[in-house]
C-alpha atoms as a PDB file:
ATOM      1  CA  MET A   1     179.309 -30.147 194.036  1.00  0.00           C
ATOM      2  CA  LEU A   2     179.490 -32.891 192.732  1.00  0.00           C
ATOM      3  CA  LYS A   3     182.623 -33.864 190.782  1.00  0.00           C
ATOM      4  CA  ASN A   4     182.213 -36.408 187.871  1.00  0.00           C
ATOM      5  CA  ILE A   5     186.410 -37.201 187.780  1.00  0.00           C
ATOM      6  CA  PHE A   6     186.235 -38.897 191.098  1.00  0.00           C
ATOM      7  CA  PHE A   7     185.265 -42.850 191.146  1.00  0.00           C
ATOM      8  CA  ILE A   8     183.246 -43.691 193.602  1.00  0.00           C
ATOM      9  CA  SER A   9     181.567 -47.469 194.467  1.00  0.00           C
ATOM     10  CA  VAL A  10     178.394 -48.738 193.288  1.00  0.00           C
ATOM     11  CA  PHE A  11     177.020 -49.117 196.318  1.00  0.00           C
ATOM     12  CA  PHE A  12     176.847 -45.022 196.816  1.00  0.00           C
ATOM     13  CA  LEU A  13     175.205 -44.565 193.791  1.00  0.00           C
ATOM     14  CA  GLY A  14     171.654 -45.925 194.439  1.00  0.00           C
ATOM     15  CA  PHE A  15     171.291 -48.993 192.236  1.00  0.00           C
ATOM     16  CA  SER A  16     174.112 -51.418 190.657  1.00  0.00           C
ATOM     17  CA  ASN A  17     174.096 -52.387 187.393  1.00  0.00           C
ATOM     18  CA  CYS A  18     174.808 -55.966 186.114  1.00  0.00           C
ATOM     19  CA  LEU A  19     176.646 -54.772 183.232  1.00  0.00           C
ATOM     20  CA  ALA A  20     174.024 -56.268 180.408  1.00  0.00           C
ATOM     21  CA  ASP A  21     175.422 -59.618 181.391  1.00  0.00           C
ATOM     22  CA  GLY A  22     171.980 -61.155 182.306  1.00  0.00           C
ATOM     23  CA  SER A  23     169.281 -62.060 179.603  1.00  0.00           C
ATOM     24  CA  PHE A  24     166.709 -59.537 178.975  1.00  0.00           C
ATOM     25  CA  GLU A  25     164.180 -60.757 181.176  1.00  0.00           C
ATOM     26  CA  GLU A  26     166.394 -60.716 183.968  1.00  0.00           C
ATOM     27  CA  GLN A  27     167.059 -56.737 183.285  1.00  0.00           C
ATOM     28  CA  TRP A  28     163.434 -56.313 182.985  1.00  0.00           C
ATOM     29  CA  HIS A  29     162.574 -57.684 186.483  1.00  0.00           C
ATOM     30  CA  LYS A  30     165.672 -55.774 187.697  1.00  0.00           C
ATOM     31  CA  ALA A  31     164.530 -52.631 186.392  1.00  0.00           C
ATOM     32  CA  GLN A  32     160.930 -53.490 187.803  1.00  0.00           C
ATOM     33  CA  LYS A  33     162.116 -53.928 191.237  1.00  0.00           C
ATOM     34  CA  GLU A  34     164.231 -50.688 190.896  1.00  0.00           C
ATOM     35  CA  TYR A  35     160.919 -49.114 189.958  1.00  0.00           C
ATOM     36  CA  VAL A  36     159.260 -49.477 193.291  1.00  0.00           C
ATOM     37  CA  THR A  37     161.917 -47.590 194.693  1.00  0.00           C
ATOM     38  CA  ILE A  38     162.061 -44.389 192.366  1.00  0.00           C
ATOM     39  CA  LYS A  39     157.924 -44.177 192.725  1.00  0.00           C
ATOM     40  CA  ASN A  40     157.949 -44.313 196.313  1.00  0.00           C
ATOM     41  CA  GLN A  41     160.235 -41.311 196.399  1.00  0.00           C
ATOM     42  CA  TYR A  42     158.445 -39.668 193.809  1.00  0.00           C
ATOM     43  CA  LYS A  43     155.438 -40.054 196.016  1.00  0.00           C
ATOM     44  CA  LEU A  44     157.266 -37.617 198.273  1.00  0.00           C
ATOM     45  CA  TYR A  45     157.135 -34.763 195.770  1.00  0.00           C
ATOM     46  CA  LYS A  46     154.048 -33.447 193.918  1.00  0.00           C
ATOM     47  CA  TYR A  47     153.348 -34.949 190.722  1.00  0.00           C
ATOM     48  CA  ASP A  48     152.010 -31.861 188.886  1.00  0.00           C
ATOM     49  CA  LEU A  49     155.517 -30.128 189.487  1.00  0.00           C
ATOM     50  CA  TYR A  50     157.287 -32.382 187.764  1.00  0.00           C
ATOM     51  CA  CYS A  51     154.899 -33.961 185.342  1.00  0.00           C
ATOM     52  CA  HIS A  52     153.203 -32.364 182.173  1.00  0.00           C
ATOM     53  CA  PRO A  53     148.967 -33.204 181.855  1.00  0.00           C
ATOM     54  CA  PHE A  54     150.205 -34.759 178.789  1.00  0.00           C
ATOM     55  CA  TRP A  55     152.356 -37.444 180.498  1.00  0.00           C
ATOM     56  CA  GLU A  56     150.463 -37.931 183.265  1.00  0.00           C
ATOM     57  CA  LYS A  57     147.506 -39.131 181.297  1.00  0.00           C
ATOM     58  CA  ASN A  58     149.817 -42.109 180.491  1.00  0.00           C
ATOM     59  CA  ARG A  59     152.005 -42.766 183.482  1.00  0.00           C
ATOM     60  CA  CYS A  60     149.308 -45.457 184.380  1.00  0.00           C
ATOM     61  CA  LYS A  61     149.664 -46.901 180.689  1.00  0.00           C
ATOM     62  CA  LEU A  62     153.513 -47.252 181.081  1.00  0.00           C
ATOM     63  CA  GLU A  63     153.478 -48.700 184.711  1.00  0.00           C
ATOM     64  CA  GLN A  64     151.150 -51.368 183.252  1.00  0.00           C
ATOM     65  CA  ILE A  65     153.536 -51.850 180.752  1.00  0.00           C
ATOM     66  CA  ILE A  66     156.538 -52.005 183.367  1.00  0.00           C
ATOM     67  CA  ASN A  67     154.796 -54.182 185.982  1.00  0.00           C
ATOM     68  CA  GLY A  68     153.807 -56.800 183.037  1.00  0.00           C
ATOM     69  CA  ALA A  69     155.715 -59.434 181.854  1.00  0.00           C
ATOM     70  CA  PRO A  70     159.312 -58.843 180.104  1.00  0.00           C
ATOM     71  CA  ASN A  71     158.681 -57.645 176.466  1.00  0.00           C
ATOM     72  CA  LYS A  72     160.971 -57.749 173.923  1.00  0.00           C
ATOM     73  CA  ASN A  73     158.786 -55.770 171.369  1.00  0.00           C
ATOM     74  CA  PHE A  74     157.901 -52.857 173.884  1.00  0.00           C
ATOM     75  CA  LEU A  75     158.777 -50.347 171.673  1.00  0.00           C
ATOM     76  CA  ASN A  76     155.738 -51.142 169.707  1.00  0.00           C
ATOM     77  CA  GLY A  77     153.401 -50.901 171.924  1.00  0.00           C
ATOM     78  CA  PRO A  78     150.797 -47.942 171.398  1.00  0.00           C
ATOM     79  CA  VAL A  79     151.725 -45.710 173.986  1.00  0.00           C
ATOM     80  CA  ILE A  80     155.316 -46.223 173.553  1.00  0.00           C
ATOM     81  CA  SER A  81     155.431 -46.180 169.910  1.00  0.00           C
ATOM     82  CA  SER A  82     153.273 -42.948 169.354  1.00  0.00           C
ATOM     83  CA  THR A  83     154.895 -41.205 171.848  1.00  0.00           C
ATOM     84  CA  MET A  84     158.672 -42.368 171.764  1.00  0.00           C
ATOM     85  CA  VAL A  85     159.815 -44.016 168.386  1.00  0.00           C
ATOM     86  CA  TRP A  86     160.293 -41.990 165.443  1.00  0.00           C
ATOM     87  CA  ARG A  87     159.073 -43.595 162.287  1.00  0.00           C
ATOM     88  CA  GLY A  88     160.388 -40.791 159.994  1.00  0.00           C
ATOM     89  CA  PHE A  89     159.296 -38.752 157.072  1.00  0.00           C
ATOM     90  CA  PRO A  90     161.047 -39.072 153.389  1.00  0.00           C
ATOM     91  CA  LYS A  91     162.093 -34.828 153.391  1.00  0.00           C
ATOM     92  CA  SER A  92     163.668 -35.136 156.779  1.00  0.00           C
ATOM     93  CA  ASN A  93     165.277 -38.454 156.394  1.00  0.00           C
ATOM     94  CA  GLU A  94     166.611 -36.961 152.856  1.00  0.00           C
ATOM     95  CA  TYR A  95     167.887 -34.176 154.956  1.00  0.00           C
ATOM     96  CA  GLU A  96     169.692 -35.997 157.584  1.00  0.00           C
ATOM     97  CA  GLU A  97     171.501 -38.527 155.385  1.00  0.00           C
ATOM     98  CA  ILE A  98     173.080 -35.920 153.257  1.00  0.00           C
ATOM     99  CA  TYR A  99     173.679 -33.813 156.696  1.00  0.00           C
ATOM    100  CA  LEU A 100     175.357 -36.851 157.669  1.00  0.00           C
ATOM    101  CA  LYS A 101     177.437 -37.870 154.810  1.00  0.00           C
ATOM    102  CA  HIS A 102     178.250 -34.591 153.348  1.00  0.00           C
ATOM    103  CA  CYS A 103     177.903 -31.769 156.073  1.00  0.00           C
ATOM    104  CA  ILE A 104     180.170 -32.818 159.299  1.00  0.00           C
ATOM    105  CA  SER A 105     183.997 -32.713 160.028  1.00  0.00           C
ATOM    106  CA  GLY A 106     186.117 -35.992 159.523  1.00  0.00           C
ATOM    107  CA  GLU A 107     186.364 -36.175 163.533  1.00  0.00           C
ATOM    108  CA  THR A 108     182.634 -36.184 163.765  1.00  0.00           C
ATOM    109  CA  LYS A 109     182.554 -38.636 160.608  1.00  0.00           C
ATOM    110  CA  LYS A 110     185.123 -40.925 162.410  1.00  0.00           C
ATOM    111  CA  LYS A 111     182.539 -40.721 165.699  1.00  0.00           C
ATOM    112  CA  LEU A 112     179.440 -41.917 163.330  1.00  0.00           C
ATOM    113  CA  LYS A 113     181.721 -44.977 161.980  1.00  0.00           C
ATOM    114  CA  ARG A 114     181.859 -46.714 165.602  1.00  0.00           C
ATOM    115  CA  PHE A 115     177.620 -46.247 165.749  1.00  0.00           C
ATOM    116  CA  LYS A 116     176.048 -49.500 165.096  1.00  0.00           C
ATOM    117  CA  ASP A 117     172.253 -49.673 165.056  1.00  0.00           C
ATOM    118  CA  THR A 118     170.161 -52.283 167.593  1.00  0.00           C
ATOM    119  CA  ASN A 119     167.698 -54.984 166.540  1.00  0.00           C
ATOM    120  CA  PHE A 120     164.596 -53.793 168.412  1.00  0.00           C
ATOM    121  CA  LEU A 121     163.729 -51.633 165.365  1.00  0.00           C
ATOM    122  CA  PRO A 122     163.757 -52.583 161.855  1.00  0.00           C
ATOM    123  CA  HIS A 123     166.678 -50.696 159.775  1.00  0.00           C
ATOM    124  CA  LYS A 124     164.977 -48.910 157.009  1.00  0.00           C
ATOM    125  CA  CYS A 125     167.344 -46.313 156.785  1.00  0.00           C
ATOM    126  CA  ARG A 126     170.185 -48.102 153.893  1.00  0.00           C
ATOM    127  CA  ALA A 127     172.139 -45.544 154.124  1.00  0.00           C
ATOM    128  CA  PHE A 128     173.397 -45.971 158.016  1.00  0.00           C
ATOM    129  CA  ASP A 129     171.912 -49.699 158.124  1.00  0.00           C
ATOM    130  CA  CYS A 130     169.348 -48.085 161.534  1.00  0.00           C
ATOM    131  CA  SER A 131     166.102 -47.408 162.150  1.00  0.00           C
ATOM    132  CA  PHE A 132     164.693 -43.925 160.922  1.00  0.00           C
ATOM    133  CA  GLY A 133     164.508 -43.211 164.488  1.00  0.00           C
ATOM    134  CA  SER A 134     168.150 -43.971 165.037  1.00  0.00           C
ATOM    135  CA  LEU A 135     168.621 -41.702 161.694  1.00  0.00           C
ATOM    136  CA  VAL A 136     167.511 -38.493 163.474  1.00  0.00           C
ATOM    137  CA  HIS A 137     169.128 -39.328 166.455  1.00  0.00           C
ATOM    138  CA  LEU A 138     172.408 -39.782 164.718  1.00  0.00           C
ATOM    139  CA  PHE A 139     171.276 -36.269 163.325  1.00  0.00           C
ATOM    140  CA  TYR A 140     171.209 -34.664 166.819  1.00  0.00           C
ATOM    141  CA  ALA A 141     174.112 -36.120 168.175  1.00  0.00           C
ATOM    142  CA  ALA A 142     176.626 -34.992 164.879  1.00  0.00           C
ATOM    143  CA  THR A 143     174.848 -31.312 165.367  1.00  0.00           C
ATOM    144  CA  SER A 144     175.736 -31.423 168.846  1.00  0.00           C
ATOM    145  CA  LEU A 145     179.225 -32.252 168.540  1.00  0.00           C
ATOM    146  CA  GLU A 146     180.149 -30.254 165.820  1.00  0.00           C
ATOM    147  CA  ALA A 147     179.044 -27.656 167.503  1.00  0.00           C
ATOM    148  CA  LEU A 148     181.691 -28.337 170.295  1.00  0.00           C
ATOM    149  CA  ARG A 149     184.027 -27.235 167.168  1.00  0.00           C
ATOM    150  CA  GLY A 150     186.572 -30.372 168.020  1.00  0.00           C
ATOM    151  CA  LYS A 151     186.291 -30.549 171.607  1.00  0.00           C
ATOM    152  CA  GLU A 152     185.627 -33.658 173.095  1.00  0.00           C
ATOM    153  CA  PRO A 153     182.298 -33.867 175.596  1.00  0.00           C
ATOM    154  CA  LYS A 154     183.462 -35.218 179.083  1.00  0.00           C
ATOM    155  CA  ASN A 155     179.842 -34.741 180.559  1.00  0.00           C
ATOM    156  CA  ILE A 156     176.463 -35.102 178.430  1.00  0.00           C
ATOM    157  CA  VAL A 157     172.917 -34.438 180.133  1.00  0.00           C
ATOM    158  CA  GLU A 158     170.167 -35.375 177.946  1.00  0.00           C
ATOM    159  CA  PHE A 159     166.533 -33.566 179.500  1.00  0.00           C
ATOM    160  CA  GLY A 160     164.164 -35.991 178.607  1.00  0.00           C
ATOM    161  CA  GLY A 161     165.834 -39.344 177.127  1.00  0.00           C
ATOM    162  CA  GLY A 162     162.703 -41.208 175.338  1.00  0.00           C
ATOM    163  CA  TYR A 163     163.431 -45.076 175.448  1.00  0.00           C
ATOM    164  CA  GLY A 164     167.231 -43.957 175.225  1.00  0.00           C
ATOM    165  CA  ASN A 165     168.501 -44.364 172.117  1.00  0.00           C
ATOM    166  CA  LEU A 166     170.352 -41.090 171.513  1.00  0.00           C
ATOM    167  CA  ALA A 167     172.205 -41.954 175.101  1.00  0.00           C
ATOM    168  CA  ARG A 168     173.388 -45.275 173.576  1.00  0.00           C
ATOM    169  CA  ILE A 169     174.740 -43.419 170.422  1.00  0.00           C
ATOM    170  CA  PHE A 170     176.595 -40.818 171.871  1.00  0.00           C
ATOM    171  CA  LYS A 171     177.964 -43.847 174.115  1.00  0.00           C
ATOM    172  CA  MET A 172     178.858 -45.130 171.161  1.00  0.00           C
ATOM    173  CA  MET A 173     180.250 -42.278 169.190  1.00  0.00           C
ATOM    174  CA  VAL A 174     182.403 -40.894 172.467  1.00  0.00           C
ATOM    175  CA  PRO A 175     182.912 -44.027 174.528  1.00  0.00           C
ATOM    176  CA  GLU A 176     184.441 -42.314 177.368  1.00  0.00           C
ATOM    177  CA  SER A 177     181.755 -39.660 178.019  1.00  0.00           C
ATOM    178  CA  THR A 178     180.082 -39.759 181.127  1.00  0.00           C
ATOM    179  CA  ILE A 179     176.193 -39.242 180.527  1.00  0.00           C
ATOM    180  CA  PHE A 180     173.306 -37.890 182.131  1.00  0.00           C
ATOM    181  CA  ILE A 181     169.285 -38.563 181.441  1.00  0.00           C
ATOM    182  CA  ILE A 182     166.880 -36.796 183.536  1.00  0.00           C
ATOM    183  CA  ASP A 183     163.061 -38.290 183.226  1.00  0.00           C
ATOM    184  CA  LEU A 184     160.497 -39.338 184.725  1.00  0.00           C
ATOM    185  CA  PRO A 185     160.072 -42.576 186.492  1.00  0.00           C
ATOM    186  CA  GLU A 186     158.387 -44.380 184.410  1.00  0.00           C
ATOM    187  CA  LEU A 187     160.471 -43.902 181.609  1.00  0.00           C
ATOM    188  CA  ILE A 188     163.689 -44.176 183.328  1.00  0.00           C
ATOM    189  CA  VAL A 189     162.942 -47.704 183.818  1.00  0.00           C
ATOM    190  CA  PHE A 190     162.340 -48.087 179.573  1.00  0.00           C
ATOM    191  CA  GLN A 191     165.896 -46.497 179.746  1.00  0.00           C
ATOM    192  CA  ALA A 192     167.532 -48.735 181.949  1.00  0.00           C
ATOM    193  CA  ILE A 193     165.971 -52.185 180.422  1.00  0.00           C
ATOM    194  CA  PHE A 194     166.837 -50.710 176.433  1.00  0.00           C
ATOM    195  CA  LEU A 195     170.632 -49.540 177.466  1.00  0.00           C
ATOM    196  CA  ARG A 196     171.732 -52.646 179.754  1.00  0.00           C
ATOM    197  CA  SER A 197     170.308 -54.678 176.852  1.00  0.00           C
ATOM    198  CA  THR A 198     172.366 -52.980 173.899  1.00  0.00           C
ATOM    199  CA  LEU A 199     175.229 -51.982 175.901  1.00  0.00           C
ATOM    200  CA  PRO A 200     177.587 -54.953 177.292  1.00  0.00           C
ATOM    201  CA  GLY A 201     179.767 -53.853 179.851  1.00  0.00           C
ATOM    202  CA  LYS A 202     178.887 -50.293 180.220  1.00  0.00           C
ATOM    203  CA  GLU A 203     177.316 -49.184 183.589  1.00  0.00           C
ATOM    204  CA  VAL A 204     173.853 -47.862 183.598  1.00  0.00           C
ATOM    205  CA  ILE A 205     172.680 -46.864 187.196  1.00  0.00           C
ATOM    206  CA  ILE A 206     169.338 -45.659 188.250  1.00  0.00           C
ATOM    207  CA  HIS A 207     169.237 -43.094 190.949  1.00  0.00           C
ATOM    208  CA  SER A 208     166.808 -42.949 193.745  1.00  0.00           C
ATOM    209  CA  LYS A 209     168.689 -40.335 195.397  1.00  0.00           C
ATOM    210  CA  ALA A 210     171.348 -37.860 194.369  1.00  0.00           C
ATOM    211  CA  PRO A 211     175.179 -39.089 194.865  1.00  0.00           C
ATOM    212  CA  GLU A 212     177.779 -36.966 196.057  1.00  0.00           C
ATOM    213  CA  SER A 213     179.625 -37.796 192.987  1.00  0.00           C
ATOM    214  CA  PHE A 214     179.096 -39.814 190.070  1.00  0.00           C
ATOM    215  CA  ALA A 215     181.616 -42.246 188.412  1.00  0.00           C
ATOM    216  CA  LYS A 216     183.289 -41.429 185.326  1.00  0.00           C
ATOM    217  CA  GLY A 217     181.987 -42.739 181.728  1.00  0.00           C
ATOM    218  CA  THR A 218     178.806 -44.063 183.680  1.00  0.00           C
ATOM    219  CA  ILE A 219     175.176 -43.852 182.369  1.00  0.00           C
ATOM    220  CA  ASN A 220     173.304 -41.951 185.100  1.00  0.00           C
ATOM    221  CA  LEU A 221     169.280 -42.114 184.862  1.00  0.00           C
ATOM    222  CA  ILE A 222     168.221 -39.473 187.303  1.00  0.00           C
ATOM    223  CA  PRO A 223     164.509 -39.137 188.257  1.00  0.00           C
ATOM    224  CA  VAL A 224     163.226 -35.795 187.827  1.00  0.00           C
ATOM    225  CA  TYR A 225     162.480 -34.806 191.310  1.00  0.00           C
ATOM    226  CA  LEU A 226     166.472 -35.121 191.907  1.00  0.00           C
ATOM    227  CA  LEU A 227     167.080 -32.458 189.111  1.00  0.00           C
ATOM    228  CA  GLU A 228     167.323 -29.378 191.836  1.00  0.00           C
ATOM    229  CA  ASP A 229     169.823 -31.744 194.071  1.00  0.00           C
ATOM    230  CA  ILE A 230     172.102 -33.014 190.869  1.00  0.00           C
ATOM    231  CA  ASP A 231     174.818 -30.237 190.213  1.00  0.00           C
ATOM    232  CA  VAL A 232     176.867 -31.418 186.741  1.00  0.00           C
ATOM    233  CA  LYS A 233     179.017 -29.221 184.647  1.00  0.00           C
ATOM    234  CA  ALA A 234     177.963 -30.237 181.086  1.00  0.00           C
ATOM    235  CA  ASP A 235     179.905 -30.343 178.010  1.00  0.00           C
ATOM    236  CA  VAL A 236     176.591 -30.903 176.044  1.00  0.00           C
ATOM    237  CA  PHE A 237     173.004 -30.071 177.024  1.00  0.00           C
ATOM    238  CA  ILE A 238     170.226 -31.663 174.642  1.00  0.00           C
ATOM    239  CA  SER A 239     166.701 -31.899 174.527  1.00  0.00           C
ATOM    240  CA  THR A 240     164.784 -33.085 171.900  1.00  0.00           C
ATOM    241  CA  PHE A 241     161.031 -31.972 172.358  1.00  0.00           C
ATOM    242  CA  ALA A 242     161.327 -32.959 175.876  1.00  0.00           C
ATOM    243  CA  ILE A 243     161.670 -29.861 177.562  1.00  0.00           C
ATOM    244  CA  SER A 244     158.755 -28.174 175.620  1.00  0.00           C
ATOM    245  CA  GLU A 245     156.870 -31.119 177.415  1.00  0.00           C
ATOM    246  CA  THR A 246     157.679 -30.737 180.611  1.00  0.00           C
ATOM    247  CA  THR A 247     156.033 -27.894 183.211  1.00  0.00           C
ATOM    248  CA  GLU A 248     156.688 -24.279 183.659  1.00  0.00           C
ATOM    249  CA  ARG A 249     158.529 -25.172 187.335  1.00  0.00           C
ATOM    250  CA  LEU A 250     160.518 -27.763 185.941  1.00  0.00           C
ATOM    251  CA  GLN A 251     161.373 -25.414 183.045  1.00  0.00           C
ATOM    252  CA  ASN A 252     162.473 -23.351 185.546  1.00  0.00           C
ATOM    253  CA  LEU A 253     164.961 -25.393 187.229  1.00  0.00           C
ATOM    254  CA  VAL A 254     166.917 -26.378 183.873  1.00  0.00           C
ATOM    255  CA  PHE A 255     167.134 -22.347 183.443  1.00  0.00           C
ATOM    256  CA  LYS A 256     168.294 -21.974 186.951  1.00  0.00           C
ATOM    257  CA  LYS A 257     170.998 -24.241 186.397  1.00  0.00           C
ATOM    258  CA  ARG A 258     171.685 -22.342 182.974  1.00  0.00           C
ATOM    259  CA  PHE A 259     171.259 -25.610 181.168  1.00  0.00           C
ATOM    260  CA  PHE A 260     174.053 -27.174 183.452  1.00  0.00           C
ATOM    261  CA  ASP A 261     176.409 -24.383 182.269  1.00  0.00           C
ATOM    262  CA  ALA A 262     176.720 -26.804 179.561  1.00  0.00           C
ATOM    263  CA  ASP A 263     179.123 -25.198 176.767  1.00  0.00           C
ATOM    264  CA  VAL A 264     176.971 -26.729 173.976  1.00  0.00           C
ATOM    265  CA  CYS A 265     173.294 -26.227 173.821  1.00  0.00           C
ATOM    266  CA  TYR A 266     170.776 -28.272 171.720  1.00  0.00           C
ATOM    267  CA  ILE A 267     167.108 -27.940 172.094  1.00  0.00           C
ATOM    268  CA  VAL A 268     164.586 -29.053 169.708  1.00  0.00           C
ATOM    269  CA  GLY A 269     161.073 -28.046 170.655  1.00  0.00           C
ATOM    270  CA  GLN A 270     157.525 -27.160 169.654  1.00  0.00           C
ATOM    271  CA  LEU A 271     156.506 -23.695 168.415  1.00  0.00           C
ATOM    272  CA  ASN A 272     153.343 -22.208 170.134  1.00  0.00           C
ATOM    273  CA  GLY A 273     152.713 -25.482 172.245  1.00  0.00           C
ATOM    274  CA  TRP A 274     151.211 -27.091 169.339  1.00  0.00           C
ATOM    275  CA  GLY A 275     147.751 -25.923 169.629  1.00  0.00           C
ATOM    276  CA  LYS A 276     145.470 -28.138 172.357  1.00  0.00           C
ATOM    277  CA  VAL A 277     148.034 -30.584 173.155  1.00  0.00           C
ATOM    278  CA  GLY A 278     148.903 -28.094 175.808  1.00  0.00           C
ATOM    279  CA  PHE A 279     152.754 -28.228 175.776  1.00  0.00           C
ATOM    280  CA  GLU A 280     154.494 -25.053 177.024  1.00  0.00           C
ATOM    281  CA  GLY A 281     155.171 -22.136 174.601  1.00  0.00           C
ATOM    282  CA  HIS A 282     158.926 -21.771 173.195  1.00  0.00           C
ATOM    283  CA  SER A 283     159.222 -17.838 173.667  1.00  0.00           C
ATOM    284  CA  PHE A 284     160.169 -18.726 177.107  1.00  0.00           C
ATOM    285  CA  ILE A 285     162.574 -21.127 176.566  1.00  0.00           C
ATOM    286  CA  HIS A 286     163.881 -19.224 174.072  1.00  0.00           C
ATOM    287  CA  SER A 287     164.180 -16.353 176.504  1.00  0.00           C
ATOM    288  CA  ALA A 288     166.145 -18.480 178.691  1.00  0.00           C
ATOM    289  CA  LEU A 289     168.668 -19.589 176.166  1.00  0.00           C
ATOM    290  CA  ARG A 290     169.302 -16.030 175.309  1.00  0.00           C
ATOM    291  CA  ASN A 291     170.408 -15.047 178.441  1.00  0.00           C
ATOM    292  CA  SER A 292     172.136 -17.883 179.493  1.00  0.00           C
ATOM    293  CA  TYR A 293     174.319 -17.433 176.077  1.00  0.00           C
ATOM    294  CA  ARG A 294     175.846 -15.264 173.748  1.00  0.00           C
ATOM    295  CA  ASP A 295     176.059 -17.053 170.287  1.00  0.00           C
ATOM    296  CA  VAL A 296     172.233 -18.506 170.187  1.00  0.00           C
ATOM    297  CA  LYS A 297     170.829 -19.610 166.816  1.00  0.00           C
ATOM    298  CA  ILE A 298     167.133 -20.455 166.740  1.00  0.00           C
ATOM    299  CA  GLN A 299     165.657 -21.775 163.430  1.00  0.00           C
ATOM    300  CA  PRO A 300     162.613 -24.069 162.269  1.00  0.00           C
ATOM    301  CA  PHE A 301     163.541 -27.604 162.209  1.00  0.00           C
ATOM    302  CA  HIS A 302     163.477 -29.551 159.164  1.00  0.00           C
ATOM    303  CA  VAL A 303     160.875 -31.960 160.415  1.00  0.00           C
ATOM    304  CA  PHE A 304     157.159 -31.064 160.116  1.00  0.00           C
ATOM    305  CA  LEU A 305     157.588 -27.790 158.445  1.00  0.00           C
ATOM    306  CA  ASP A 306     154.766 -28.418 155.886  1.00  0.00           C
ATOM    307  CA  GLY A 307     152.389 -29.536 158.554  1.00  0.00           C
ATOM    308  CA  ASP A 308     150.285 -27.787 161.539  1.00  0.00           C
ATOM    309  CA  PHE A 309     152.457 -28.655 164.474  1.00  0.00           C
ATOM    310  CA  LYS A 310     156.075 -26.921 163.785  1.00  0.00           C
ATOM    311  CA  SER A 311     159.226 -26.816 165.418  1.00  0.00           C
ATOM    312  CA  TYR A 312     162.220 -25.136 165.937  1.00  0.00           C
ATOM    313  CA  GLU A 313     166.055 -25.893 166.405  1.00  0.00           C
ATOM    314  CA  ALA A 314     167.618 -24.042 168.576  1.00  0.00           C
ATOM    315  CA  ILE A 315     171.907 -24.074 169.018  1.00  0.00           C
ATOM    316  CA  ALA A 316     173.869 -22.131 171.453  1.00  0.00           C
ATOM    317  CA  VAL A 317     177.417 -22.032 172.035  1.00  0.00           C
ATOM    318  CA  LYS A 318     179.414 -20.545 174.745  1.00  0.00           C
ATOM    319  CA  ASN A 319     181.992 -17.659 173.115  1.00  0.00           C
END
């Protein structure tokens, strides 16, 4: 059993972090070296068991970016921009702004004031001086914290972390929290670069193998092939679209862990697999939530309501 309350040396955690005290170029080159190790480990497993065909098509393109020259505009490249960067929609932006301004508790509003956006993307949301991507991530974080009903989360597990922006927001809102992102090796590399570049002094660790325990307050990037070996008791489990975009095998592993026994489980996903895109259907995930929690609320998500790609929002809370 992994006990998150214990501090252990970085040596046993796989890769040490230079605590964002190097240049962006140094962070990039460091992550390139780490990628070689986790990719070689990944080869010992069957890709198709952990990587959905949609992402398999993009892995080589992502690898080319990783192995290329350091690029501060990597979020604007065609692959990353189209799959991980939220550009926003007027109706959804208005919904999120109203929620964050008027519908959250005073305690969550205090946490929200700790947030400051990066300069990686333009600040098009004037209300919170942030990008539209950060606006929706603030919505995700606030919704999760509200569901905890005042409890301060110690451990936050995110399944599929995009380029790391939601994890960064959680870390700013709840500085003492220990964060875990479970994702494909290629995506972990971009998360490491982004988080180390934007969170000075915070320890961001890429794990090449499962450690015996995790240091409190760290951000832990965990390749999907280690999921079975990771035993964490979460306060919050969150996955925004990613759990629909993975394989049924990987979903089963998450369900077997009962969403890391989280007090609050917050999931946003695609309804009906989005047709020809071929993501996993939602009924499997909904059934697992209802089998793991008594208090489960599933409703249409406020994004894409007018389009063909409809989505849902699920909030499950332990009684």
